[in-house]
Each structure stands twice: as C-alpha cells, then as structure tokens.
Amino acid sequence: MSTELGAPVPACDVPASDASPARRFRGKNKSKRWTRGKDTELAVIRLPLDVHDPTTRHRTEDLYSAMWSVKRALQRDARDAIDAYWAGDVRRATDAQAWRLELGLSREGMERRA
C-alpha cells in the first residue's frame, strides 16, 4: 500500500511505538490576561558590565548568589503554603476560600511574601 506525502494515515496503520497520546488541554481561560498596572513600581538592579577587576567580579557573584537564594526561598515558602493548604482537609472542607486567604495563597499574598 502506498500513500502520497501529506495523505492522512488511518490510526489502525500507525504502529503502537509511533502512536502518541492525544494532547490534552485544561480548558479555556475565562479571566482576562494579567498585566502590570501603569502606576506599579518595578524593581531594577543595575549591574556593572566590566567585571575584569577581581573585586567587582566578587561583588557581582555575591549579588547573583543572593538573588538566587531569595528566589529559592520564595519558591520554598510558596510550596510550604500549598502543602499546608492540601494538608488541612477539615479547614478546606469547611471554608476553602478563607483557608487560602489565611495562608496567603492569592496574587496579593504571594506579592507580599516576595
């Protein structure tokens, strides 16, 4: 049996090793896309570009190391809050929204955490 290039191949002719599972989607997002407000402040870190000097290089490495540590601490803190949310079966069953707000699991709560 010969097929032309671009001709659809019936599913029964595709070997099991080549078959990939159908792509699944979680559904259409019904909320409007998040954008940063015009009056919202933005933190910017200015770094020197010339790092040939050992002192400057050391300071730059320390800065990147500190930023990485802060990032990981924020991720760990968020993960701990989510674990606490899922561990609180009784509180989640009674009032899940209040439990999320208490743990700070909202956009504002995460921004405060940061």
PDB file of N, CA and C in Angstrom:
ATOM      1  N   MET A   1       0.850  -1.167   0.000  1.00  0.00           N
ATOM      2  CA  MET A   1       0.000   0.000   0.000  1.00  0.00           C
ATOM      3  C   MET A   1       0.894   1.227   0.000  1.00  0.00           C
ATOM      4  N   SER A   2       0.682   2.127  -0.915  1.00  0.00           N
ATOM      5  CA  SER A   2       1.497   3.327  -0.992  1.00  0.00           C
ATOM      6  C   SER A   2       0.628   4.542  -0.711  1.00  0.00           C
ATOM      7  N   THR A   3       1.194   5.507  -0.015  1.00  0.00           N
ATOM      8  CA  THR A   3       0.449   6.723   0.298  1.00  0.00           C
ATOM      9  C   THR A   3       1.229   7.913  -0.218  1.00  0.00           C
ATOM     10  N   GLU A   4       0.513   8.937  -0.561  1.00  0.00           N
ATOM     11  CA  GLU A   4       1.151  10.164  -1.012  1.00  0.00           C
ATOM     12  C   GLU A   4       1.631  10.953   0.198  1.00  0.00           C
ATOM     13  N   LEU A   5       2.568  11.840  -0.060  1.00  0.00           N
ATOM     14  CA  LEU A   5       3.048  12.709   1.010  1.00  0.00           C
ATOM     15  C   LEU A   5       1.916  13.623   1.445  1.00  0.00           C
ATOM     16  N   GLY A   6       1.641  13.665   2.706  1.00  0.00           N
ATOM     17  CA  GLY A   6       0.598  14.546   3.224  1.00  0.00           C
ATOM     18  C   GLY A   6      -0.753  13.869   3.327  1.00  0.00           C
ATOM     19  N   ALA A   7      -0.897  12.649   2.819  1.00  0.00           N
ATOM     20  CA  ALA A   7      -2.164  11.949   2.925  1.00  0.00           C
ATOM     21  C   ALA A   7      -2.332  11.452   4.351  1.00  0.00           C
ATOM     22  N   PRO A   8      -3.512  11.595   4.931  1.00  0.00           N
ATOM     23  CA  PRO A   8      -3.710  11.131   6.309  1.00  0.00           C
ATOM     24  C   PRO A   8      -3.592   9.619   6.403  1.00  0.00           C
ATOM     25  N   VAL A   9      -2.957   9.158   7.438  1.00  0.00           N
ATOM     26  CA  VAL A   9      -2.771   7.730   7.670  1.00  0.00           C
ATOM     27  C   VAL A   9      -3.802   7.288   8.699  1.00  0.00           C
ATOM     28  N   PRO A  10      -4.561   6.256   8.417  1.00  0.00           N
ATOM     29  CA  PRO A  10      -5.531   5.780   9.408  1.00  0.00           C
ATOM     30  C   PRO A  10      -4.832   5.358  10.696  1.00  0.00           C
ATOM     31  N   ALA A  11      -5.496   5.549  11.817  1.00  0.00           N
ATOM     32  CA  ALA A  11      -4.915   5.256  13.124  1.00  0.00           C
ATOM     33  C   ALA A  11      -4.554   3.782  13.273  1.00  0.00           C
ATOM     34  N   CYS A  12      -5.290   2.902  12.595  1.00  0.00           N
ATOM     35  CA  CYS A  12      -5.010   1.478  12.737  1.00  0.00           C
ATOM     36  C   CYS A  12      -3.704   1.082  12.055  1.00  0.00           C
ATOM     37  N   ASP A  13      -3.213   1.907  11.088  1.00  0.00           N
ATOM     38  CA  ASP A  13      -1.978   1.591  10.388  1.00  0.00           C
ATOM     39  C   ASP A  13      -0.737   2.120  11.111  1.00  0.00           C
ATOM     40  N   VAL A  14      -0.931   2.927  12.138  1.00  0.00           N
ATOM     41  CA  VAL A  14       0.199   3.506  12.856  1.00  0.00           C
ATOM     42  C   VAL A  14       0.688   2.497  13.881  1.00  0.00           C
ATOM     43  N   PRO A  15       1.983   2.156  13.865  1.00  0.00           N
ATOM     44  CA  PRO A  15       2.495   1.211  14.866  1.00  0.00           C
ATOM     45  C   PRO A  15       2.334   1.762  16.274  1.00  0.00           C
ATOM     46  N   ALA A  16       2.215   0.879  17.242  1.00  0.00           N
ATOM     47  CA  ALA A  16       1.982   1.291  18.637  1.00  0.00           C
ATOM     48  C   ALA A  16       3.129   2.139  19.165  1.00  0.00           C
ATOM     49  N   SER A  17       4.368   1.886  18.707  1.00  0.00           N
ATOM     50  CA  SER A  17       5.508   2.653  19.212  1.00  0.00           C
ATOM     51  C   SER A  17       5.483   4.093  18.708  1.00  0.00           C
ATOM     52  N   ASP A  18       4.865   4.347  17.535  1.00  0.00           N
ATOM     53  CA  ASP A  18       4.810   5.698  16.974  1.00  0.00           C
ATOM     54  C   ASP A  18       3.609   6.480  17.463  1.00  0.00           C
ATOM     55  N   ALA A  19       2.632   5.800  18.022  1.00  0.00           N
ATOM     56  CA  ALA A  19       1.408   6.488  18.440  1.00  0.00           C
ATOM     57  C   ALA A  19       1.686   7.303  19.694  1.00  0.00           C
ATOM     58  N   SER A  20       1.333   8.579  19.619  1.00  0.00           N
ATOM     59  CA  SER A  20       1.493   9.435  20.798  1.00  0.00           C
ATOM     60  C   SER A  20       0.113   9.743  21.346  1.00  0.00           C
ATOM     61  N   PRO A  21       0.004   9.907  22.663  1.00  0.00           N
ATOM     62  CA  PRO A  21      -1.314  10.184  23.236  1.00  0.00           C
ATOM     63  C   PRO A  21      -1.826  11.535  22.751  1.00  0.00           C
ATOM     64  N   ALA A  22      -3.132  11.644  22.677  1.00  0.00           N
ATOM     65  CA  ALA A  22      -3.738  12.892  22.232  1.00  0.00           C
ATOM     66  C   ALA A  22      -3.393  14.007  23.218  1.00  0.00           C
ATOM     67  N   ARG A  23      -3.158  15.175  22.689  1.00  0.00           N
ATOM     68  CA  ARG A  23      -2.816  16.313  23.537  1.00  0.00           C
ATOM     69  C   ARG A  23      -4.040  16.749  24.316  1.00  0.00           C
ATOM     70  N   ARG A  24      -3.866  16.924  25.629  1.00  0.00           N
ATOM     71  CA  ARG A  24      -4.995  17.302  26.472  1.00  0.00           C
ATOM     72  C   ARG A  24      -4.847  18.754  26.906  1.00  0.00           C
ATOM     73  N   PHE A  25      -5.958  19.437  27.028  1.00  0.00           N
ATOM     74  CA  PHE A  25      -5.979  20.826  27.458  1.00  0.00           C
ATOM     75  C   PHE A  25      -6.798  20.940  28.730  1.00  0.00           C
ATOM     76  N   ARG A  26      -6.456  21.921  29.551  1.00  0.00           N
ATOM     77  CA  ARG A  26      -7.182  22.127  30.801  1.00  0.00           C
ATOM     78  C   ARG A  26      -8.426  22.959  30.603  1.00  0.00           C
ATOM     79  N   GLY A  27      -8.593  23.554  29.458  1.00  0.00           N
ATOM     80  CA  GLY A  27      -9.777  24.360  29.192  1.00  0.00           C
ATOM     81  C   GLY A  27      -9.400  25.803  28.923  1.00  0.00           C
ATOM     82  N   LYS A  28     -10.349  26.536  28.384  1.00  0.00           N
ATOM     83  CA  LYS A  28     -10.114  27.927  28.026  1.00  0.00           C
ATOM     84  C   LYS A  28     -10.126  28.786  29.282  1.00  0.00           C
ATOM     85  N   ASN A  29      -9.165  29.699  29.366  1.00  0.00           N
ATOM     86  CA  ASN A  29      -9.104  30.616  30.491  1.00  0.00           C
ATOM     87  C   ASN A  29     -10.191  31.669  30.318  1.00  0.00           C
ATOM     88  N   LYS A  30     -11.016  31.834  31.313  1.00  0.00           N
ATOM     89  CA  LYS A  30     -12.124  32.772  31.205  1.00  0.00           C
ATOM     90  C   LYS A  30     -11.787  34.143  31.794  1.00  0.00           C
ATOM     91  N   SER A  31     -10.665  34.235  32.470  1.00  0.00           N
ATOM     92  CA  SER A  31     -10.254  35.513  33.050  1.00  0.00           C
ATOM     93  C   SER A  31      -9.510  36.330  32.015  1.00  0.00           C
ATOM     94  N   LYS A  32      -9.505  37.653  32.227  1.00  0.00           N
ATOM     95  CA  LYS A  32      -8.729  38.474  31.305  1.00  0.00           C
ATOM     96  C   LYS A  32      -7.252  38.359  31.663  1.00  0.00           C
ATOM     97  N   ARG A  33      -6.415  38.575  30.681  1.00  0.00           N
ATOM     98  CA  ARG A  33      -4.977  38.399  30.836  1.00  0.00           C
ATOM     99  C   ARG A  33      -4.418  39.391  31.848  1.00  0.00           C
ATOM    100  N   TRP A  34      -3.501  38.934  32.725  1.00  0.00           N
ATOM    101  CA  TRP A  34      -2.914  39.801  33.735  1.00  0.00           C
ATOM    102  C   TRP A  34      -1.883  40.707  33.095  1.00  0.00           C
ATOM    103  N   THR A  35      -1.931  41.987  33.451  1.00  0.00           N
ATOM    104  CA  THR A  35      -0.912  42.941  33.029  1.00  0.00           C
ATOM    105  C   THR A  35      -0.522  43.775  34.235  1.00  0.00           C
ATOM    106  N   ARG A  36       0.705  44.236  34.229  1.00  0.00           N
ATOM    107  CA  ARG A  36       1.176  45.089  35.317  1.00  0.00           C
ATOM    108  C   ARG A  36       0.561  46.471  35.143  1.00  0.00           C
ATOM    109  N   GLY A  37       0.075  47.065  36.226  1.00  0.00           N
ATOM    110  CA  GLY A  37      -0.528  48.387  36.170  1.00  0.00           C
ATOM    111  C   GLY A  37       0.489  49.456  35.792  1.00  0.00           C
ATOM    112  N   LYS A  38       0.017  50.529  35.189  1.00  0.00           N
ATOM    113  CA  LYS A  38       0.918  51.601  34.756  1.00  0.00           C
ATOM    114  C   LYS A  38       1.592  52.290  35.928  1.00  0.00           C
ATOM    115  N   ASP A  39       0.910  52.382  37.063  1.00  0.00           N
ATOM    116  CA  ASP A  39       1.470  53.060  38.226  1.00  0.00           C
ATOM    117  C   ASP A  39       2.214  52.103  39.161  1.00  0.00           C
ATOM    118  N   THR A  40       2.333  50.848  38.797  1.00  0.00           N
ATOM    119  CA  THR A  40       3.024  49.863  39.622  1.00  0.00           C
ATOM    120  C   THR A  40       4.532  50.044  39.493  1.00  0.00           C
ATOM    121  N   GLU A  41       5.201  50.041  40.638  1.00  0.00           N
ATOM    122  CA  GLU A  41       6.650  50.199  40.620  1.00  0.00           C
ATOM    123  C   GLU A  41       7.321  48.919  40.133  1.00  0.00           C
ATOM    124  N   LEU A  42       8.491  49.087  39.552  1.00  0.00           N
ATOM    125  CA  LEU A  42       9.247  47.961  39.040  1.00  0.00           C
ATOM    126  C   LEU A  42      10.649  48.037  39.608  1.00  0.00           C
ATOM    127  N   ALA A  43      11.105  46.963  40.228  1.00  0.00           N
ATOM    128  CA  ALA A  43      12.441  46.937  40.801  1.00  0.00           C
ATOM    129  C   ALA A  43      13.449  46.569  39.713  1.00  0.00           C
ATOM    130  N   VAL A  44      14.513  47.354  39.622  1.00  0.00           N
ATOM    131  CA  VAL A  44      15.556  47.109  38.630  1.00  0.00           C
ATOM    132  C   VAL A  44      16.893  47.106  39.349  1.00  0.00           C
ATOM    133  N   ILE A  45      17.703  46.122  39.049  1.00  0.00           N
ATOM    134  CA  ILE A  45      19.041  46.040  39.630  1.00  0.00           C
ATOM    135  C   ILE A  45      20.031  46.373  38.531  1.00  0.00           C
ATOM    136  N   ARG A  46      20.855  47.384  38.755  1.00  0.00           N
ATOM    137  CA  ARG A  46      21.861  47.783  37.774  1.00  0.00           C
ATOM    138  C   ARG A  46      23.178  47.102  38.110  1.00  0.00           C
ATOM    139  N   LEU A  47      23.737  46.433  37.140  1.00  0.00           N
ATOM    140  CA  LEU A  47      24.985  45.720  37.342  1.00  0.00           C
ATOM    141  C   LEU A  47      26.075  46.332  36.463  1.00  0.00           C
ATOM    142  N   PRO A  48      27.293  46.419  36.990  1.00  0.00           N
ATOM    143  CA  PRO A  48      28.391  46.889  36.137  1.00  0.00           C
ATOM    144  C   PRO A  48      28.723  45.821  35.096  1.00  0.00           C
ATOM    145  N   LEU A  49      29.057  46.282  33.891  1.00  0.00           N
ATOM    146  CA  LEU A  49      29.376  45.330  32.832  1.00  0.00           C
ATOM    147  C   LEU A  49      30.838  44.895  32.867  1.00  0.00           C
ATOM    148  N   ASP A  50      31.695  45.756  33.341  1.00  0.00           N
ATOM    149  CA  ASP A  50      33.117  45.442  33.367  1.00  0.00           C
ATOM    150  C   ASP A  50      33.427  44.684  34.653  1.00  0.00           C
ATOM    151  N   VAL A  51      33.652  43.387  34.533  1.00  0.00           N
ATOM    152  CA  VAL A  51      33.935  42.563  35.712  1.00  0.00           C
ATOM    153  C   VAL A  51      35.344  41.976  35.650  1.00  0.00           C
ATOM    154  N   HIS A  52      36.252  42.682  35.008  1.00  0.00           N
ATOM    155  CA  HIS A  52      37.633  42.212  34.944  1.00  0.00           C
ATOM    156  C   HIS A  52      38.352  42.405  36.275  1.00  0.00           C
ATOM    157  N   ASP A  53      37.925  43.392  37.023  1.00  0.00           N
ATOM    158  CA  ASP A  53      38.513  43.639  38.340  1.00  0.00           C
ATOM    159  C   ASP A  53      38.042  42.543  39.291  1.00  0.00           C
ATOM    160  N   PRO A  54      38.939  41.893  40.021  1.00  0.00           N
ATOM    161  CA  PRO A  54      38.532  40.797  40.924  1.00  0.00           C
ATOM    162  C   PRO A  54      37.520  41.232  41.990  1.00  0.00           C
ATOM    163  N   THR A  55      37.658  42.450  42.478  1.00  0.00           N
ATOM    164  CA  THR A  55      36.723  42.930  43.500  1.00  0.00           C
ATOM    165  C   THR A  55      35.320  43.063  42.920  1.00  0.00           C
ATOM    166  N   THR A  56      35.224  43.653  41.734  1.00  0.00           N
ATOM    167  CA  THR A  56      33.922  43.820  41.078  1.00  0.00           C
ATOM    168  C   THR A  56      33.321  42.471  40.741  1.00  0.00           C
ATOM    169  N   ARG A  57      34.147  41.565  40.260  1.00  0.00           N
ATOM    170  CA  ARG A  57      33.661  40.225  39.925  1.00  0.00           C
ATOM    171  C   ARG A  57      33.107  39.541  41.168  1.00  0.00           C
ATOM    172  N   HIS A  58      33.800  39.654  42.284  1.00  0.00           N
ATOM    173  CA  HIS A  58      33.356  39.035  43.532  1.00  0.00           C
ATOM    174  C   HIS A  58      32.025  39.641  43.986  1.00  0.00           C
ATOM    175  N   ARG A  59      31.899  40.947  43.906  1.00  0.00           N
ATOM    176  CA  ARG A  59      30.644  41.600  44.305  1.00  0.00           C
ATOM    177  C   ARG A  59      29.486  41.165  43.409  1.00  0.00           C
ATOM    178  N   THR A  60      29.760  41.047  42.092  1.00  0.00           N
ATOM    179  CA  THR A  60      28.715  40.616  41.160  1.00  0.00           C
ATOM    180  C   THR A  60      28.304  39.175  41.448  1.00  0.00           C
ATOM    181  N   GLU A  61      29.261  38.320  41.705  1.00  0.00           N
ATOM    182  CA  GLU A  61      28.938  36.930  42.037  1.00  0.00           C
ATOM    183  C   GLU A  61      28.126  36.853  43.322  1.00  0.00           C
ATOM    184  N   ASP A  62      28.476  37.673  44.302  1.00  0.00           N
ATOM    185  CA  ASP A  62      27.716  37.695  45.557  1.00  0.00           C
ATOM    186  C   ASP A  62      26.279  38.154  45.317  1.00  0.00           C
ATOM    187  N   LEU A  63      26.110  39.142  44.440  1.00  0.00           N
ATOM    188  CA  LEU A  63      24.776  39.647  44.141  1.00  0.00           C
ATOM    189  C   LEU A  63      23.923  38.564  43.475  1.00  0.00           C
ATOM    190  N   TYR A  64      24.480  37.888  42.477  1.00  0.00           N
ATOM    191  CA  TYR A  64      23.735  36.816  41.816  1.00  0.00           C
ATOM    192  C   TYR A  64      23.441  35.681  42.783  1.00  0.00           C
ATOM    193  N   SER A  65      24.372  35.365  43.646  1.00  0.00           N
ATOM    194  CA  SER A  65      24.163  34.314  44.633  1.00  0.00           C
ATOM    195  C   SER A  65      23.021  34.688  45.580  1.00  0.00           C
ATOM    196  N   ALA A  66      22.995  35.942  46.014  1.00  0.00           N
ATOM    197  CA  ALA A  66      21.935  36.400  46.919  1.00  0.00           C
ATOM    198  C   ALA A  66      20.579  36.375  46.214  1.00  0.00           C
ATOM    199  N   MET A  67      20.539  36.802  44.966  1.00  0.00           N
ATOM    200  CA  MET A  67      19.275  36.801  44.217  1.00  0.00           C
ATOM    201  C   MET A  67      18.760  35.367  44.053  1.00  0.00           C
ATOM    202  N   TRP A  68      19.659  34.435  43.775  1.00  0.00           N
ATOM    203  CA  TRP A  68      19.268  33.037  43.627  1.00  0.00           C
ATOM    204  C   TRP A  68      18.722  32.498  44.942  1.00  0.00           C
ATOM    205  N   SER A  69      19.361  32.862  46.045  1.00  0.00           N
ATOM    206  CA  SER A  69      18.901  32.398  47.360  1.00  0.00           C
ATOM    207  C   SER A  69      17.513  32.943  47.680  1.00  0.00           C
ATOM    208  N   VAL A  70      17.277  34.206  47.349  1.00  0.00           N
ATOM    209  CA  VAL A  70      15.954  34.806  47.583  1.00  0.00           C
ATOM    210  C   VAL A  70      14.902  34.106  46.738  1.00  0.00           C
ATOM    211  N   LYS A  71      15.228  33.862  45.475  1.00  0.00           N
ATOM    212  CA  LYS A  71      14.283  33.184  44.584  1.00  0.00           C
ATOM    213  C   LYS A  71      13.917  31.804  45.121  1.00  0.00           C
ATOM    214  N   ARG A  72      14.921  31.031  45.518  1.00  0.00           N
ATOM    215  CA  ARG A  72      14.661  29.694  46.029  1.00  0.00           C
ATOM    216  C   ARG A  72      13.869  29.745  47.340  1.00  0.00           C
ATOM    217  N   ALA A  73      14.153  30.728  48.199  1.00  0.00           N
ATOM    218  CA  ALA A  73      13.421  30.855  49.469  1.00  0.00           C
ATOM    219  C   ALA A  73      11.950  31.165  49.203  1.00  0.00           C
ATOM    220  N   LEU A  74      11.672  32.026  48.221  1.00  0.00           N
ATOM    221  CA  LEU A  74      10.283  32.343  47.880  1.00  0.00           C
ATOM    222  C   LEU A  74       9.565  31.119  47.325  1.00  0.00           C
ATOM    223  N   GLN A  75      10.241  30.358  46.483  1.00  0.00           N
ATOM    224  CA  GLN A  75       9.630  29.149  45.939  1.00  0.00           C
ATOM    225  C   GLN A  75       9.356  28.128  47.041  1.00  0.00           C
ATOM    226  N   ARG A  76      10.303  27.985  47.963  1.00  0.00           N
ATOM    227  CA  ARG A  76      10.134  27.041  49.067  1.00  0.00           C
ATOM    228  C   ARG A  76       8.975  27.481  49.966  1.00  0.00           C
ATOM    229  N   ASP A  77       8.871  28.786  50.231  1.00  0.00           N
ATOM    230  CA  ASP A  77       7.801  29.317  51.065  1.00  0.00           C
ATOM    231  C   ASP A  77       6.433  29.082  50.417  1.00  0.00           C
ATOM    232  N   ALA A  78       6.344  29.329  49.111  1.00  0.00           N
ATOM    233  CA  ALA A  78       5.082  29.100  48.406  1.00  0.00           C
ATOM    234  C   ALA A  78       4.718  27.622  48.418  1.00  0.00           C
ATOM    235  N   ARG A  79       5.699  26.756  48.207  1.00  0.00           N
ATOM    236  CA  ARG A  79       5.446  25.312  48.221  1.00  0.00           C
ATOM    237  C   ARG A  79       4.961  24.861  49.589  1.00  0.00           C
ATOM    238  N   ASP A  80       5.555  25.409  50.660  1.00  0.00           N
ATOM    239  CA  ASP A  80       5.134  25.050  52.016  1.00  0.00           C
ATOM    240  C   ASP A  80       3.695  25.497  52.284  1.00  0.00           C
ATOM    241  N   ALA A  81       3.330  26.682  51.790  1.00  0.00           N
ATOM    242  CA  ALA A  81       1.959  27.166  51.982  1.00  0.00           C
ATOM    243  C   ALA A  81       0.965  26.282  51.231  1.00  0.00           C
ATOM    244  N   ILE A  82       1.317  25.858  50.039  1.00  0.00           N
ATOM    245  CA  ILE A  82       0.433  24.986  49.264  1.00  0.00           C
ATOM    246  C   ILE A  82       0.317  23.621  49.928  1.00  0.00           C
ATOM    247  N   ASP A  83       1.427  23.103  50.449  1.00  0.00           N
ATOM    248  CA  ASP A  83       1.372  21.830  51.168  1.00  0.00           C
ATOM    249  C   ASP A  83       0.484  21.937  52.403  1.00  0.00           C
ATOM    250  N   ALA A  84       0.565  23.064  53.107  1.00  0.00           N
ATOM    251  CA  ALA A  84      -0.293  23.269  54.281  1.00  0.00           C
ATOM    252  C   ALA A  84      -1.758  23.335  53.880  1.00  0.00           C
ATOM    253  N   TYR A  85      -2.028  23.955  52.735  1.00  0.00           N
ATOM    254  CA  TYR A  85      -3.410  24.045  52.248  1.00  0.00           C
ATOM    255  C   TYR A  85      -3.975  22.648  51.985  1.00  0.00           C
ATOM    256  N   TRP A  86      -3.216  21.821  51.282  1.00  0.00           N
ATOM    257  CA  TRP A  86      -3.715  20.490  50.957  1.00  0.00           C
ATOM    258  C   TRP A  86      -3.726  19.568  52.173  1.00  0.00           C
ATOM    259  N   ALA A  87      -2.902  19.836  53.170  1.00  0.00           N
ATOM    260  CA  ALA A  87      -2.893  19.010  54.378  1.00  0.00           C
ATOM    261  C   ALA A  87      -4.069  19.337  55.287  1.00  0.00           C
ATOM    262  N   GLY A  88      -4.620  20.535  55.185  1.00  0.00           N
ATOM    263  CA  GLY A  88      -5.739  20.946  56.042  1.00  0.00           C
ATOM    264  C   GLY A  88      -7.071  20.505  55.491  1.00  0.00           C
ATOM    265  N   ASP A  89      -7.351  19.209  55.552  1.00  0.00           N
ATOM    266  CA  ASP A  89      -8.584  18.667  54.968  1.00  0.00           C
ATOM    267  C   ASP A  89      -9.838  19.260  55.608  1.00  0.00           C
ATOM    268  N   VAL A  90      -9.842  19.349  56.920  1.00  0.00           N
ATOM    269  CA  VAL A  90     -11.037  19.827  57.621  1.00  0.00           C
ATOM    270  C   VAL A  90     -11.279  21.300  57.314  1.00  0.00           C
ATOM    271  N   ARG A  91     -10.232  22.107  57.382  1.00  0.00           N
ATOM    272  CA  ARG A  91     -10.387  23.536  57.110  1.00  0.00           C
ATOM    273  C   ARG A  91     -10.769  23.779  55.659  1.00  0.00           C
ATOM    274  N   ARG A  92     -10.215  22.965  54.760  1.00  0.00           N
ATOM    275  CA  ARG A  92     -10.541  23.110  53.347  1.00  0.00           C
ATOM    276  C   ARG A  92     -11.989  22.717  53.084  1.00  0.00           C
ATOM    277  N   ALA A  93     -12.475  21.727  53.810  1.00  0.00           N
ATOM    278  CA  ALA A  93     -13.856  21.276  53.628  1.00  0.00           C
ATOM    279  C   ALA A  93     -14.854  22.294  54.170  1.00  0.00           C
ATOM    280  N   THR A  94     -14.508  22.992  55.260  1.00  0.00           N
ATOM    281  CA  THR A  94     -15.441  23.946  55.855  1.00  0.00           C
ATOM    282  C   THR A  94     -15.468  25.263  55.088  1.00  0.00           C
ATOM    283  N   ASP A  95     -14.302  25.872  54.848  1.00  0.00           N
ATOM    284  CA  ASP A  95     -14.263  27.144  54.121  1.00  0.00           C
ATOM    285  C   ASP A  95     -12.913  27.268  53.411  1.00  0.00           C
ATOM    286  N   ALA A  96     -12.865  26.756  52.194  1.00  0.00           N
ATOM    287  CA  ALA A  96     -11.603  26.702  51.444  1.00  0.00           C
ATOM    288  C   ALA A  96     -11.076  28.103  51.126  1.00  0.00           C
ATOM    289  N   GLN A  97     -11.964  29.016  50.784  1.00  0.00           N
ATOM    290  CA  GLN A  97     -11.516  30.358  50.414  1.00  0.00           C
ATOM    291  C   GLN A  97     -10.869  31.077  51.604  1.00  0.00           C
ATOM    292  N   ALA A  98     -11.467  30.983  52.776  1.00  0.00           N
ATOM    293  CA  ALA A  98     -10.887  31.612  53.965  1.00  0.00           C
ATOM    294  C   ALA A  98      -9.542  30.973  54.306  1.00  0.00           C
ATOM    295  N   TRP A  99      -9.425  29.676  54.113  1.00  0.00           N
ATOM    296  CA  TRP A  99      -8.178  28.965  54.383  1.00  0.00           C
ATOM    297  C   TRP A  99      -7.082  29.426  53.430  1.00  0.00           C
ATOM    298  N   ARG A 100      -7.425  29.606  52.149  1.00  0.00           N
ATOM    299  CA  ARG A 100      -6.446  30.109  51.175  1.00  0.00           C
ATOM    300  C   ARG A 100      -6.002  31.516  51.531  1.00  0.00           C
ATOM    301  N   LEU A 101      -6.952  32.374  51.926  1.00  0.00           N
ATOM    302  CA  LEU A 101      -6.600  33.746  52.298  1.00  0.00           C
ATOM    303  C   LEU A 101      -5.726  33.783  53.542  1.00  0.00           C
ATOM    304  N   GLU A 102      -6.008  32.919  54.494  1.00  0.00           N
ATOM    305  CA  GLU A 102      -5.199  32.874  55.721  1.00  0.00           C
ATOM    306  C   GLU A 102      -3.763  32.453  55.430  1.00  0.00           C
ATOM    307  N   LEU A 103      -3.610  31.526  54.486  1.00  0.00           N
ATOM    308  CA  LEU A 103      -2.270  31.069  54.116  1.00  0.00           C
ATOM    309  C   LEU A 103      -1.574  32.027  53.148  1.00  0.00           C
ATOM    310  N   GLY A 104      -2.308  32.989  52.609  1.00  0.00           N
ATOM    311  CA  GLY A 104      -1.712  33.935  51.667  1.00  0.00           C
ATOM    312  C   GLY A 104      -1.593  33.380  50.264  1.00  0.00           C
ATOM    313  N   LEU A 105      -2.500  32.495  49.886  1.00  0.00           N
ATOM    314  CA  LEU A 105      -2.459  31.898  48.551  1.00  0.00           C
ATOM    315  C   LEU A 105      -3.338  32.688  47.583  1.00  0.00           C
ATOM    316  N   SER A 106      -2.954  33.919  47.363  1.00  0.00           N
ATOM    317  CA  SER A 106      -3.603  34.772  46.371  1.00  0.00           C
ATOM    318  C   SER A 106      -2.495  35.585  45.710  1.00  0.00           C
ATOM    319  N   ARG A 107      -2.837  36.293  44.649  1.00  0.00           N
ATOM    320  CA  ARG A 107      -1.809  37.105  43.975  1.00  0.00           C
ATOM    321  C   ARG A 107      -1.212  38.120  44.933  1.00  0.00           C
ATOM    322  N   GLU A 108      -2.077  38.806  45.683  1.00  0.00           N
ATOM    323  CA  GLU A 108      -1.601  39.810  46.639  1.00  0.00           C
ATOM    324  C   GLU A 108      -0.776  39.165  47.747  1.00  0.00           C
ATOM    325  N   GLY A 109      -1.219  38.000  48.222  1.00  0.00           N
ATOM    326  CA  GLY A 109      -0.477  37.302  49.265  1.00  0.00           C
ATOM    327  C   GLY A 109       0.901  36.874  48.801  1.00  0.00           C
ATOM    328  N   MET A 110       0.988  36.396  47.573  1.00  0.00           N
ATOM    329  CA  MET A 110       2.299  35.993  47.028  1.00  0.00           C
ATOM    330  C   MET A 110       3.194  37.202  46.816  1.00  0.00           C
ATOM    331  N   GLU A 111       2.619  38.334  46.383  1.00  0.00           N
ATOM    332  CA  GLU A 111       3.421  39.543  46.204  1.00  0.00           C
ATOM    333  C   GLU A 111       3.946  40.050  47.551  1.00  0.00           C
ATOM    334  N   ARG A 112       3.109  39.959  48.592  1.00  0.00           N
ATOM    335  CA  ARG A 112       3.565  40.354  49.928  1.00  0.00           C
ATOM    336  C   ARG A 112       4.682  39.459  50.420  1.00  0.00           C
ATOM    337  N   ARG A 113       4.546  38.178  50.132  1.00  0.00           N
ATOM    338  CA  ARG A 113       5.573  37.220  50.513  1.00  0.00           C
ATOM    339  C   ARG A 113       6.917  37.592  49.896  1.00  0.00           C
ATOM    340  N   ALA A 114       6.861  37.988  48.641  1.00  0.00           N
ATOM    341  CA  ALA A 114       8.096  38.352  47.921  1.00  0.00           C
ATOM    342  C   ALA A 114       8.667  39.627  48.512  1.00  0.00           C
TER     343      ALA A 114
END
